[in-house]
Full PDB file with SEQRES, HELIX, SHEET, SSBOND, CRYST1, ORIGX, SCALE, CONECT and MASTER records, all heavy atoms in Angstrom:
SEQRES   1 A   43  ASP VAL LEU ARG TYR VAL LEU ASP ARG PRO GLY THR GLY          
SEQRES   2 A   43  THR SER ALA LEU ALA ARG GLU LEU GLY LEU HIS ALA SER          
SEQRES   3 A   43  ASN VAL SER THR THR VAL ARG GLY LEU VAL ALA GLN GLY          
SEQRES   4 A   43  LEU ILE ARG ARG                                              
HELIX    1 AA1 VAL A    2  ASP A    8  1                                   7    
HELIX    2 AA2 THR A   14  LEU A   21  1                                   8    
HELIX    3 AA3 ALA A   25  ALA A   37  1                                  13    
CRYST1    1.000    1.000    1.000  90.00  90.00  90.00 P 1           1          
ORIGX1      1.000000  0.000000  0.000000        0.00000                         
ORIGX2      0.000000  1.000000  0.000000        0.00000                         
ORIGX3      0.000000  0.000000  1.000000        0.00000                         
SCALE1      1.000000  0.000000  0.000000        0.00000                         
SCALE2      0.000000  1.000000  0.000000        0.00000                         
SCALE3      0.000000  0.000000  1.000000        0.00000                         
ATOM      1  N   ASP A   1       0.830  -1.201   0.000  1.00  0.00           N  
ATOM      2  CA  ASP A   1       0.000   0.000   0.000  1.00  0.00           C  
ATOM      3  C   ASP A   1       0.867   1.254   0.000  1.00  0.00           C  
ATOM      4  O   ASP A   1       0.633   2.193  -0.776  1.00  0.00           O  
ATOM      5  CB  ASP A   1      -0.926   0.025   1.217  1.00  0.00           C  
ATOM      6  CG  ASP A   1      -2.033  -1.006   1.162  1.00  0.00           C  
ATOM      7  OD1 ASP A   1      -2.291  -1.560   0.068  1.00  0.00           O  
ATOM      8  OD2 ASP A   1      -2.642  -1.258   2.216  1.00  0.00           O  
ATOM      9  N   VAL A   2       1.872   1.284   0.875  1.00  0.00           N  
ATOM     10  CA  VAL A   2       2.755   2.442   0.958  1.00  0.00           C  
ATOM     11  C   VAL A   2       3.537   2.605  -0.341  1.00  0.00           C  
ATOM     12  O   VAL A   2       3.624   3.707  -0.901  1.00  0.00           O  
ATOM     13  CB  VAL A   2       3.699   2.321   2.178  1.00  0.00           C  
ATOM     14  CG1 VAL A   2       4.827   3.347   2.113  1.00  0.00           C  
ATOM     15  CG2 VAL A   2       2.908   2.467   3.476  1.00  0.00           C  
ATOM     16  N   LEU A   3       4.064   1.526  -0.852  1.00  0.00           N  
ATOM     17  CA  LEU A   3       4.846   1.586  -2.078  1.00  0.00           C  
ATOM     18  C   LEU A   3       4.007   2.076  -3.254  1.00  0.00           C  
ATOM     19  O   LEU A   3       4.432   2.948  -4.014  1.00  0.00           O  
ATOM     20  CB  LEU A   3       5.444   0.211  -2.372  1.00  0.00           C  
ATOM     21  CG  LEU A   3       6.537   0.145  -3.414  1.00  0.00           C  
ATOM     22  CD1 LEU A   3       7.666   1.114  -3.111  1.00  0.00           C  
ATOM     23  CD2 LEU A   3       7.060  -1.282  -3.501  1.00  0.00           C  
ATOM     24  N   ARG A   4       2.803   1.541  -3.387  1.00  0.00           N  
ATOM     25  CA  ARG A   4       1.913   1.973  -4.486  1.00  0.00           C  
ATOM     26  C   ARG A   4       1.604   3.460  -4.369  1.00  0.00           C  
ATOM     27  O   ARG A   4       1.601   4.192  -5.355  1.00  0.00           O  
ATOM     28  CB  ARG A   4       0.620   1.147  -4.453  1.00  0.00           C  
ATOM     29  CG  ARG A   4      -0.428   1.547  -5.471  1.00  0.00           C  
ATOM     30  CD  ARG A   4      -0.136   1.014  -6.863  1.00  0.00           C  
ATOM     31  NE  ARG A   4       0.658   1.967  -7.612  1.00  0.00           N  
ATOM     32  CZ  ARG A   4       1.410   1.676  -8.669  1.00  0.00           C  
ATOM     33  NH1 ARG A   4       1.504   0.468  -9.126  1.00  0.00           N  
ATOM     34  NH2 ARG A   4       2.094   2.592  -9.285  1.00  0.00           N  
ATOM     35  N   TYR A   5       1.350   3.920  -3.138  1.00  0.00           N  
ATOM     36  CA  TYR A   5       1.026   5.336  -2.927  1.00  0.00           C  
ATOM     37  C   TYR A   5       2.215   6.221  -3.299  1.00  0.00           C  
ATOM     38  O   TYR A   5       2.051   7.235  -3.978  1.00  0.00           O  
ATOM     39  CB  TYR A   5       0.607   5.573  -1.473  1.00  0.00           C  
ATOM     40  CG  TYR A   5       0.025   6.946  -1.264  1.00  0.00           C  
ATOM     41  CD1 TYR A   5      -1.319   7.191  -1.498  1.00  0.00           C  
ATOM     42  CD2 TYR A   5       0.827   8.013  -0.865  1.00  0.00           C  
ATOM     43  CE1 TYR A   5      -1.861   8.455  -1.322  1.00  0.00           C  
ATOM     44  CE2 TYR A   5       0.292   9.280  -0.698  1.00  0.00           C  
ATOM     45  CZ  TYR A   5      -1.046   9.494  -0.927  1.00  0.00           C  
ATOM     46  OH  TYR A   5      -1.571  10.757  -0.771  1.00  0.00           O  
ATOM     47  N   VAL A   6       3.404   5.844  -2.867  1.00  0.00           N  
ATOM     48  CA  VAL A   6       4.596   6.645  -3.173  1.00  0.00           C  
ATOM     49  C   VAL A   6       4.896   6.610  -4.672  1.00  0.00           C  
ATOM     50  O   VAL A   6       5.320   7.617  -5.248  1.00  0.00           O  
ATOM     51  CB  VAL A   6       5.800   6.181  -2.324  1.00  0.00           C  
ATOM     52  CG1 VAL A   6       7.089   6.857  -2.761  1.00  0.00           C  
ATOM     53  CG2 VAL A   6       5.536   6.456  -0.841  1.00  0.00           C  
ATOM     54  N   LEU A   7       4.667   5.478  -5.315  1.00  0.00           N  
ATOM     55  CA  LEU A   7       4.844   5.409  -6.766  1.00  0.00           C  
ATOM     56  C   LEU A   7       3.861   6.339  -7.479  1.00  0.00           C  
ATOM     57  O   LEU A   7       4.220   6.990  -8.461  1.00  0.00           O  
ATOM     58  CB  LEU A   7       4.658   3.977  -7.268  1.00  0.00           C  
ATOM     59  CG  LEU A   7       5.860   3.062  -7.064  1.00  0.00           C  
ATOM     60  CD1 LEU A   7       5.431   1.594  -7.124  1.00  0.00           C  
ATOM     61  CD2 LEU A   7       6.939   3.355  -8.091  1.00  0.00           C  
ATOM     62  N   ASP A   8       2.630   6.411  -6.975  1.00  0.00           N  
ATOM     63  CA  ASP A   8       1.607   7.256  -7.594  1.00  0.00           C  
ATOM     64  C   ASP A   8       1.798   8.734  -7.280  1.00  0.00           C  
ATOM     65  O   ASP A   8       1.387   9.594  -8.055  1.00  0.00           O  
ATOM     66  CB  ASP A   8       0.207   6.834  -7.142  1.00  0.00           C  
ATOM     67  CG  ASP A   8      -0.225   5.506  -7.724  1.00  0.00           C  
ATOM     68  OD1 ASP A   8       0.378   5.046  -8.716  1.00  0.00           O  
ATOM     69  OD2 ASP A   8      -1.171   4.903  -7.172  1.00  0.00           O  
ATOM     70  N   ARG A   9       2.397   9.018  -6.114  1.00  0.00           N  
ATOM     71  CA  ARG A   9       2.550  10.404  -5.665  1.00  0.00           C  
ATOM     72  C   ARG A   9       3.955  10.639  -5.116  1.00  0.00           C  
ATOM     73  O   ARG A   9       4.133  10.854  -3.916  1.00  0.00           O  
ATOM     74  CB  ARG A   9       1.514  10.716  -4.588  1.00  0.00           C  
ATOM     75  CG  ARG A   9       0.089  10.698  -5.125  1.00  0.00           C  
ATOM     76  CD  ARG A   9      -0.915  10.637  -3.976  1.00  0.00           C  
ATOM     77  NE  ARG A   9      -2.231  10.266  -4.421  1.00  0.00           N  
ATOM     78  CZ  ARG A   9      -2.653   9.016  -4.621  1.00  0.00           C  
ATOM     79  NH1 ARG A   9      -1.861   8.004  -4.415  1.00  0.00           N  
ATOM     80  NH2 ARG A   9      -3.885   8.770  -5.023  1.00  0.00           N  
ATOM     81  N   PRO A  10       4.964  10.606  -5.987  1.00  0.00           N  
ATOM     82  CA  PRO A  10       6.325  10.825  -5.508  1.00  0.00           C  
ATOM     83  C   PRO A  10       6.436  12.192  -4.839  1.00  0.00           C  
ATOM     84  O   PRO A  10       5.822  13.158  -5.283  1.00  0.00           O  
ATOM     85  CB  PRO A  10       7.181  10.774  -6.777  1.00  0.00           C  
ATOM     86  CG  PRO A  10       6.278  10.484  -7.907  1.00  0.00           C  
ATOM     87  CD  PRO A  10       4.877  10.438  -7.420  1.00  0.00           C  
ATOM     88  N   GLY A  11       7.201  12.227  -3.765  1.00  0.00           N  
ATOM     89  CA  GLY A  11       7.382  13.480  -3.037  1.00  0.00           C  
ATOM     90  C   GLY A  11       6.418  13.643  -1.874  1.00  0.00           C  
ATOM     91  O   GLY A  11       6.465  14.641  -1.163  1.00  0.00           O  
ATOM     92  N   THR A  12       5.538  12.672  -1.677  1.00  0.00           N  
ATOM     93  CA  THR A  12       4.601  12.748  -0.568  1.00  0.00           C  
ATOM     94  C   THR A  12       5.360  12.675   0.754  1.00  0.00           C  
ATOM     95  O   THR A  12       6.462  12.144   0.822  1.00  0.00           O  
ATOM     96  CB  THR A  12       3.543  11.618  -0.650  1.00  0.00           C  
ATOM     97  OG1 THR A  12       2.496  11.901   0.256  1.00  0.00           O  
ATOM     98  CG2 THR A  12       4.149  10.268  -0.329  1.00  0.00           C  
ATOM     99  N   GLY A  13       4.752  13.223   1.794  1.00  0.00           N  
ATOM    100  CA  GLY A  13       5.328  13.151   3.129  1.00  0.00           C  
ATOM    101  C   GLY A  13       4.699  12.024   3.923  1.00  0.00           C  
ATOM    102  O   GLY A  13       3.657  11.478   3.541  1.00  0.00           O  
ATOM    103  N   THR A  14       5.333  11.682   5.034  1.00  0.00           N  
ATOM    104  CA  THR A  14       4.826  10.567   5.834  1.00  0.00           C  
ATOM    105  C   THR A  14       3.483  10.868   6.471  1.00  0.00           C  
ATOM    106  O   THR A  14       2.642   9.986   6.569  1.00  0.00           O  
ATOM    107  CB  THR A  14       5.837  10.146   6.921  1.00  0.00           C  
ATOM    108  OG1 THR A  14       6.177  11.287   7.705  1.00  0.00           O  
ATOM    109  CG2 THR A  14       7.082   9.549   6.321  1.00  0.00           C  
ATOM    110  N   SER A  15       3.244  12.112   6.895  1.00  0.00           N  
ATOM    111  CA  SER A  15       1.948  12.400   7.523  1.00  0.00           C  
ATOM    112  C   SER A  15       0.818  12.330   6.501  1.00  0.00           C  
ATOM    113  O   SER A  15      -0.259  11.801   6.802  1.00  0.00           O  
ATOM    114  CB  SER A  15       1.962  13.745   8.253  1.00  0.00           C  
ATOM    115  OG  SER A  15       2.313  14.779   7.374  1.00  0.00           O  
ATOM    116  N   ALA A  16       1.045  12.830   5.297  1.00  0.00           N  
ATOM    117  CA  ALA A  16       0.023  12.725   4.242  1.00  0.00           C  
ATOM    118  C   ALA A  16      -0.212  11.265   3.880  1.00  0.00           C  
ATOM    119  O   ALA A  16      -1.353  10.841   3.668  1.00  0.00           O  
ATOM    120  CB  ALA A  16       0.443  13.512   3.008  1.00  0.00           C  
ATOM    121  N   LEU A  17       0.859  10.507   3.839  1.00  0.00           N  
ATOM    122  CA  LEU A  17       0.765   9.081   3.538  1.00  0.00           C  
ATOM    123  C   LEU A  17      -0.061   8.359   4.598  1.00  0.00           C  
ATOM    124  O   LEU A  17      -0.960   7.579   4.274  1.00  0.00           O  
ATOM    125  CB  LEU A  17       2.183   8.507   3.461  1.00  0.00           C  
ATOM    126  CG  LEU A  17       2.368   7.041   3.152  1.00  0.00           C  
ATOM    127  CD1 LEU A  17       1.770   6.673   1.815  1.00  0.00           C  
ATOM    128  CD2 LEU A  17       3.853   6.722   3.148  1.00  0.00           C  
ATOM    129  N   ALA A  18       0.214   8.630   5.865  1.00  0.00           N  
ATOM    130  CA  ALA A  18      -0.533   7.998   6.956  1.00  0.00           C  
ATOM    131  C   ALA A  18      -2.007   8.376   6.886  1.00  0.00           C  
ATOM    132  O   ALA A  18      -2.887   7.524   7.017  1.00  0.00           O  
ATOM    133  CB  ALA A  18       0.058   8.412   8.304  1.00  0.00           C  
ATOM    134  N   ARG A  19      -2.273   9.641   6.647  1.00  0.00           N  
ATOM    135  CA  ARG A  19      -3.660  10.115   6.580  1.00  0.00           C  
ATOM    136  C   ARG A  19      -4.400   9.452   5.412  1.00  0.00           C  
ATOM    137  O   ARG A  19      -5.505   8.948   5.565  1.00  0.00           O  
ATOM    138  CB  ARG A  19      -3.660  11.641   6.442  1.00  0.00           C  
ATOM    139  CG  ARG A  19      -4.992  12.302   6.543  1.00  0.00           C  
ATOM    140  CD  ARG A  19      -4.897  13.836   6.536  1.00  0.00           C  
ATOM    141  NE  ARG A  19      -4.048  14.380   5.488  1.00  0.00           N  
ATOM    142  CZ  ARG A  19      -2.833  14.886   5.673  1.00  0.00           C  
ATOM    143  NH1 ARG A  19      -2.289  14.916   6.866  1.00  0.00           N  
ATOM    144  NH2 ARG A  19      -2.136  15.354   4.654  1.00  0.00           N  
ATOM    145  N   GLU A  20      -3.775   9.433   4.252  1.00  0.00           N  
ATOM    146  CA  GLU A  20      -4.420   8.879   3.056  1.00  0.00           C  
ATOM    147  C   GLU A  20      -4.690   7.385   3.189  1.00  0.00           C  
ATOM    148  O   GLU A  20      -5.723   6.897   2.752  1.00  0.00           O  
ATOM    149  CB  GLU A  20      -3.542   9.138   1.832  1.00  0.00           C  
ATOM    150  CG  GLU A  20      -4.108   8.607   0.542  1.00  0.00           C  
ATOM    151  CD  GLU A  20      -5.405   9.270   0.092  1.00  0.00           C  
ATOM    152  OE1 GLU A  20      -5.677  10.416   0.495  1.00  0.00           O  
ATOM    153  OE2 GLU A  20      -6.163   8.621  -0.653  1.00  0.00           O  
ATOM    154  N   LEU A  21      -3.747   6.652   3.797  1.00  0.00           N  
ATOM    155  CA  LEU A  21      -3.908   5.206   3.915  1.00  0.00           C  
ATOM    156  C   LEU A  21      -4.623   4.792   5.195  1.00  0.00           C  
ATOM    157  O   LEU A  21      -4.891   3.606   5.393  1.00  0.00           O  
ATOM    158  CB  LEU A  21      -2.545   4.518   3.827  1.00  0.00           C  
ATOM    159  CG  LEU A  21      -1.815   4.675   2.496  1.00  0.00           C  
ATOM    160  CD1 LEU A  21      -0.471   3.966   2.530  1.00  0.00           C  
ATOM    161  CD2 LEU A  21      -2.662   4.185   1.332  1.00  0.00           C  
ATOM    162  N   GLY A  22      -4.931   5.752   6.061  1.00  0.00           N  
ATOM    163  CA  GLY A  22      -5.633   5.434   7.304  1.00  0.00           C  
ATOM    164  C   GLY A  22      -4.775   4.639   8.269  1.00  0.00           C  
ATOM    165  O   GLY A  22      -5.283   3.785   8.992  1.00  0.00           O  
ATOM    166  N   LEU A  23      -3.470   4.916   8.276  1.00  0.00           N  
ATOM    167  CA  LEU A  23      -2.537   4.210   9.149  1.00  0.00           C  
ATOM    168  C   LEU A  23      -2.006   5.151  10.220  1.00  0.00           C  
ATOM    169  O   LEU A  23      -1.983   6.364  10.034  1.00  0.00           O  
ATOM    170  CB  LEU A  23      -1.362   3.660   8.336  1.00  0.00           C  
ATOM    171  CG  LEU A  23      -1.698   2.670   7.223  1.00  0.00           C  
ATOM    172  CD1 LEU A  23      -0.466   2.400   6.372  1.00  0.00           C  
ATOM    173  CD2 LEU A  23      -2.245   1.382   7.809  1.00  0.00           C  
ATOM    174  N   HIS A  24      -1.551   4.588  11.323  1.00  0.00           N  
ATOM    175  CA  HIS A  24      -0.911   5.378  12.358  1.00  0.00           C  
ATOM    176  C   HIS A  24       0.445   5.842  11.846  1.00  0.00           C  
ATOM    177  O   HIS A  24       1.146   5.100  11.147  1.00  0.00           O  
ATOM    178  CB  HIS A  24      -0.727   4.570  13.642  1.00  0.00           C  
ATOM    179  CG  HIS A  24      -2.015   4.261  14.332  1.00  0.00           C  
ATOM    180  ND1 HIS A  24      -2.686   5.191  15.082  1.00  0.00           N  
ATOM    181  CD2 HIS A  24      -2.761   3.137  14.368  1.00  0.00           C  
ATOM    182  CE1 HIS A  24      -3.789   4.649  15.559  1.00  0.00           C  
ATOM    183  NE2 HIS A  24      -3.860   3.397  15.128  1.00  0.00           N  
ATOM    184  N   ALA A  25       0.827   7.051  12.223  1.00  0.00           N  
ATOM    185  CA  ALA A  25       2.103   7.611  11.776  1.00  0.00           C  
ATOM    186  C   ALA A  25       3.270   6.705  12.153  1.00  0.00           C  
ATOM    187  O   ALA A  25       4.214   6.537  11.365  1.00  0.00           O  
ATOM    188  CB  ALA A  25       2.292   9.013  12.349  1.00  0.00           C  
ATOM    189  N   SER A  26       3.217   6.102  13.342  1.00  0.00           N  
ATOM    190  CA  SER A  26       4.320   5.230  13.758  1.00  0.00           C  
ATOM    191  C   SER A  26       4.413   3.996  12.860  1.00  0.00           C  
ATOM    192  O   SER A  26       5.514   3.532  12.539  1.00  0.00           O  
ATOM    193  CB  SER A  26       4.162   4.816  15.220  1.00  0.00           C  
ATOM    194  OG  SER A  26       2.964   4.088  15.401  1.00  0.00           O  
ATOM    195  N   ASN A  27       3.265   3.462  12.440  1.00  0.00           N  
ATOM    196  CA  ASN A  27       3.277   2.306  11.529  1.00  0.00           C  
ATOM    197  C   ASN A  27       3.840   2.692  10.162  1.00  0.00           C  
ATOM    198  O   ASN A  27       4.577   1.918   9.544  1.00  0.00           O  
ATOM    199  CB  ASN A  27       1.882   1.718  11.375  1.00  0.00           C  
ATOM    200  CG  ASN A  27       1.371   1.083  12.642  1.00  0.00           C  
ATOM    201  OD1 ASN A  27       2.130   0.829  13.570  1.00  0.00           O  
ATOM    202  ND2 ASN A  27       0.078   0.850  12.702  1.00  0.00           N  
ATOM    203  N   VAL A  28       3.478   3.882   9.688  1.00  0.00           N  
ATOM    204  CA  VAL A  28       3.994   4.353   8.407  1.00  0.00           C  
ATOM    205  C   VAL A  28       5.506   4.538   8.503  1.00  0.00           C  
ATOM    206  O   VAL A  28       6.251   4.129   7.607  1.00  0.00           O  
ATOM    207  CB  VAL A  28       3.296   5.657   7.961  1.00  0.00           C  
ATOM    208  CG1 VAL A  28       4.024   6.301   6.792  1.00  0.00           C  
ATOM    209  CG2 VAL A  28       1.854   5.374   7.591  1.00  0.00           C  
ATOM    210  N   SER A  29       5.978   5.118   9.598  1.00  0.00           N  
ATOM    211  CA  SER A  29       7.422   5.321   9.770  1.00  0.00           C  
ATOM    212  C   SER A  29       8.167   3.996   9.758  1.00  0.00           C  
ATOM    213  O   SER A  29       9.221   3.867   9.111  1.00  0.00           O  
ATOM    214  CB  SER A  29       7.703   6.061  11.077  1.00  0.00           C  
ATOM    215  OG  SER A  29       7.193   7.361  11.006  1.00  0.00           O  
ATOM    216  N   THR A  30       7.619   3.004  10.437  1.00  0.00           N  
ATOM    217  CA  THR A  30       8.245   1.676  10.459  1.00  0.00           C  
ATOM    218  C   THR A  30       8.258   1.067   9.063  1.00  0.00           C  
ATOM    219  O   THR A  30       9.273   0.519   8.616  1.00  0.00           O  
ATOM    220  CB  THR A  30       7.497   0.747  11.439  1.00  0.00           C  
ATOM    221  OG1 THR A  30       7.549   1.337  12.742  1.00  0.00           O  
ATOM    222  CG2 THR A  30       8.090  -0.640  11.466  1.00  0.00           C  
ATOM    223  N   THR A  31       7.144   1.160   8.364  1.00  0.00           N  
ATOM    224  CA  THR A  31       7.046   0.616   7.008  1.00  0.00           C  
ATOM    225  C   THR A  31       8.024   1.317   6.080  1.00  0.00           C  
ATOM    226  O   THR A  31       8.732   0.675   5.297  1.00  0.00           O  
ATOM    227  CB  THR A  31       5.599   0.737   6.489  1.00  0.00           C  
ATOM    228  OG1 THR A  31       4.745  -0.016   7.338  1.00  0.00           O  
ATOM    229  CG2 THR A  31       5.478   0.227   5.061  1.00  0.00           C  
ATOM    230  N   VAL A  32       8.077   2.645   6.169  1.00  0.00           N  
ATOM    231  CA  VAL A  32       8.982   3.413   5.306  1.00  0.00           C  
ATOM    232  C   VAL A  32      10.433   3.035   5.601  1.00  0.00           C  
ATOM    233  O   VAL A  32      11.224   2.849   4.673  1.00  0.00           O  
ATOM    234  CB  VAL A  32       8.738   4.930   5.469  1.00  0.00           C  
ATOM    235  CG1 VAL A  32       9.877   5.740   4.856  1.00  0.00           C  
ATOM    236  CG2 VAL A  32       7.400   5.313   4.844  1.00  0.00           C  
ATOM    237  N   ARG A  33      10.790   2.902   6.872  1.00  0.00           N  
ATOM    238  CA  ARG A  33      12.161   2.500   7.224  1.00  0.00           C  
ATOM    239  C   ARG A  33      12.517   1.164   6.550  1.00  0.00           C  
ATOM    240  O   ARG A  33      13.609   0.997   6.009  1.00  0.00           O  
ATOM    241  CB  ARG A  33      12.325   2.375   8.738  1.00  0.00           C  
ATOM    242  CG  ARG A  33      12.848   3.610   9.405  1.00  0.00           C  
ATOM    243  CD  ARG A  33      13.312   3.372  10.829  1.00  0.00           C  
ATOM    244  NE  ARG A  33      12.336   2.736  11.701  1.00  0.00           N  
ATOM    245  CZ  ARG A  33      11.359   3.369  12.333  1.00  0.00           C  
ATOM    246  NH1 ARG A  33      11.208   4.666  12.204  1.00  0.00           N  
ATOM    247  NH2 ARG A  33      10.516   2.713  13.101  1.00  0.00           N  
ATOM    248  N   GLY A  34      11.593   0.224   6.602  1.00  0.00           N  
ATOM    249  CA  GLY A  34      11.832  -1.074   5.973  1.00  0.00           C  
ATOM    250  C   GLY A  34      11.979  -0.963   4.471  1.00  0.00           C  
ATOM    251  O   GLY A  34      12.852  -1.608   3.870  1.00  0.00           O  
ATOM    252  N   LEU A  35      11.150  -0.145   3.830  1.00  0.00           N  
ATOM    253  CA  LEU A  35      11.225   0.025   2.377  1.00  0.00           C  
ATOM    254  C   LEU A  35      12.493   0.770   1.973  1.00  0.00           C  
ATOM    255  O   LEU A  35      13.079   0.483   0.920  1.00  0.00           O  
ATOM    256  CB  LEU A  35       9.970   0.735   1.857  1.00  0.00           C  
ATOM    257  CG  LEU A  35       8.677  -0.083   1.966  1.00  0.00           C  
ATOM    258  CD1 LEU A  35       7.459   0.790   1.666  1.00  0.00           C  
ATOM    259  CD2 LEU A  35       8.711  -1.300   1.054  1.00  0.00           C  
ATOM    260  N   VAL A  36      12.940   1.702   2.817  1.00  0.00           N  
ATOM    261  CA  VAL A  36      14.218   2.384   2.563  1.00  0.00           C  
ATOM    262  C   VAL A  36      15.355   1.371   2.666  1.00  0.00           C  
ATOM    263  O   VAL A  36      16.240   1.323   1.807  1.00  0.00           O  
ATOM    264  CB  VAL A  36      14.417   3.572   3.543  1.00  0.00           C  
ATOM    265  CG1 VAL A  36      15.857   4.076   3.509  1.00  0.00           C  
ATOM    266  CG2 VAL A  36      13.441   4.702   3.222  1.00  0.00           C  
ATOM    267  N   ALA A  37      15.319   0.539   3.708  1.00  0.00           N  
ATOM    268  CA  ALA A  37      16.372  -0.477   3.899  1.00  0.00           C  
ATOM    269  C   ALA A  37      16.427  -1.461   2.731  1.00  0.00           C  
ATOM    270  O   ALA A  37      17.504  -1.966   2.404  1.00  0.00           O  
ATOM    271  CB  ALA A  37      16.147  -1.225   5.214  1.00  0.00           C  
ATOM    272  N   GLN A  38      15.275  -1.707   2.098  1.00  0.00           N  
ATOM    273  CA  GLN A  38      15.232  -2.624   0.946  1.00  0.00           C  
ATOM    274  C   GLN A  38      15.588  -1.930  -0.362  1.00  0.00           C  
ATOM    275  O   GLN A  38      15.610  -2.558  -1.420  1.00  0.00           O  
ATOM    276  CB  GLN A  38      13.833  -3.243   0.821  1.00  0.00           C  
ATOM    277  CG  GLN A  38      13.472  -4.165   1.958  1.00  0.00           C  
ATOM    278  CD  GLN A  38      12.038  -4.653   1.812  1.00  0.00           C  
ATOM    279  OE1 GLN A  38      11.715  -5.339   0.849  1.00  0.00           O  
ATOM    280  NE2 GLN A  38      11.184  -4.295   2.761  1.00  0.00           N  
ATOM    281  N   GLY A  39      15.816  -0.626  -0.299  1.00  0.00           N  
ATOM    282  CA  GLY A  39      16.166   0.120  -1.504  1.00  0.00           C  
ATOM    283  C   GLY A  39      14.987   0.411  -2.413  1.00  0.00           C  
ATOM    284  O   GLY A  39      15.162   0.624  -3.611  1.00  0.00           O  
ATOM    285  N   LEU A  40      13.780   0.450  -1.842  1.00  0.00           N  
ATOM    286  CA  LEU A  40      12.576   0.689  -2.648  1.00  0.00           C  
ATOM    287  C   LEU A  40      12.065   2.116  -2.550  1.00  0.00           C  
ATOM    288  O   LEU A  40      11.352   2.590  -3.443  1.00  0.00           O  
ATOM    289  CB  LEU A  40      11.476  -0.295  -2.241  1.00  0.00           C  
ATOM    290  CG  LEU A  40      11.833  -1.768  -2.454  1.00  0.00           C  
ATOM    291  CD1 LEU A  40      10.750  -2.678  -1.880  1.00  0.00           C  
ATOM    292  CD2 LEU A  40      12.067  -2.057  -3.929  1.00  0.00           C  
ATOM    293  N   ILE A  41      12.407   2.794  -1.471  1.00  0.00           N  
ATOM    294  CA  ILE A  41      12.024   4.188  -1.262  1.00  0.00           C  
ATOM    295  C   ILE A  41      13.259   4.938  -0.793  1.00  0.00           C  
ATOM    296  O   ILE A  41      14.087   4.394  -0.064  1.00  0.00           O  
ATOM    297  CB  ILE A  41      10.895   4.312  -0.207  1.00  0.00           C  
ATOM    298  CG1 ILE A  41       9.574   3.784  -0.774  1.00  0.00           C  
ATOM    299  CG2 ILE A  41      10.714   5.760   0.250  1.00  0.00           C  
ATOM    300  CD1 ILE A  41       8.418   3.875   0.191  1.00  0.00           C  
ATOM    301  N   ARG A  42      13.355   6.187  -1.212  1.00  0.00           N  
ATOM    302  CA  ARG A  42      14.406   7.045  -0.679  1.00  0.00           C  
ATOM    303  C   ARG A  42      13.763   8.283  -0.055  1.00  0.00           C  
ATOM    304  O   ARG A  42      12.734   8.763  -0.520  1.00  0.00           O  
ATOM    305  CB  ARG A  42      15.443   7.401  -1.742  1.00  0.00           C  
ATOM    306  CG  ARG A  42      14.973   8.305  -2.811  1.00  0.00           C  
ATOM    307  CD  ARG A  42      16.085   8.601  -3.847  1.00  0.00           C  
ATOM    308  NE  ARG A  42      15.677   9.676  -4.704  1.00  0.00           N  
ATOM    309  CZ  ARG A  42      14.829   9.572  -5.715  1.00  0.00           C  
ATOM    310  NH1 ARG A  42      14.295   8.404  -6.002  1.00  0.00           N  
ATOM    311  NH2 ARG A  42      14.503  10.619  -6.432  1.00  0.00           N  
ATOM    312  N   ARG A  43      14.397   8.764   1.003  1.00  0.00           N  
ATOM    313  CA  ARG A  43      13.941   9.980   1.690  1.00  0.00           C  
ATOM    314  C   ARG A  43      14.777  11.153   1.188  1.00  0.00           C  
ATOM    315  O   ARG A  43      15.985  11.034   1.060  1.00  0.00           O  
ATOM    316  CB  ARG A  43      14.146   9.854   3.197  1.00  0.00           C  
ATOM    317  CG  ARG A  43      13.290   8.875   3.882  1.00  0.00           C  
ATOM    318  CD  ARG A  43      13.578   9.005   5.393  1.00  0.00           C  
ATOM    319  NE  ARG A  43      12.827   8.055   6.152  1.00  0.00           N  
ATOM    320  CZ  ARG A  43      13.337   6.969   6.725  1.00  0.00           C  
ATOM    321  NH1 ARG A  43      14.619   6.715   6.626  1.00  0.00           N  
ATOM    322  NH2 ARG A  43      12.576   6.155   7.402  1.00  0.00           N  
TER     323      ARG A  43                                                      
MASTER        0    0    0    3    0    0    0    6  322    1    0    4          
END                                                                             
């Protein structure tokens, strides 16, 4: 979900991402950290 959203809206912020996907900010941060570690998202 996070990856698809970032692909559709590059440059989005984590708070907008959390709001749009209905996720807690802490969950989004954890997910983003994992996707960054996998080389799928960059900050």
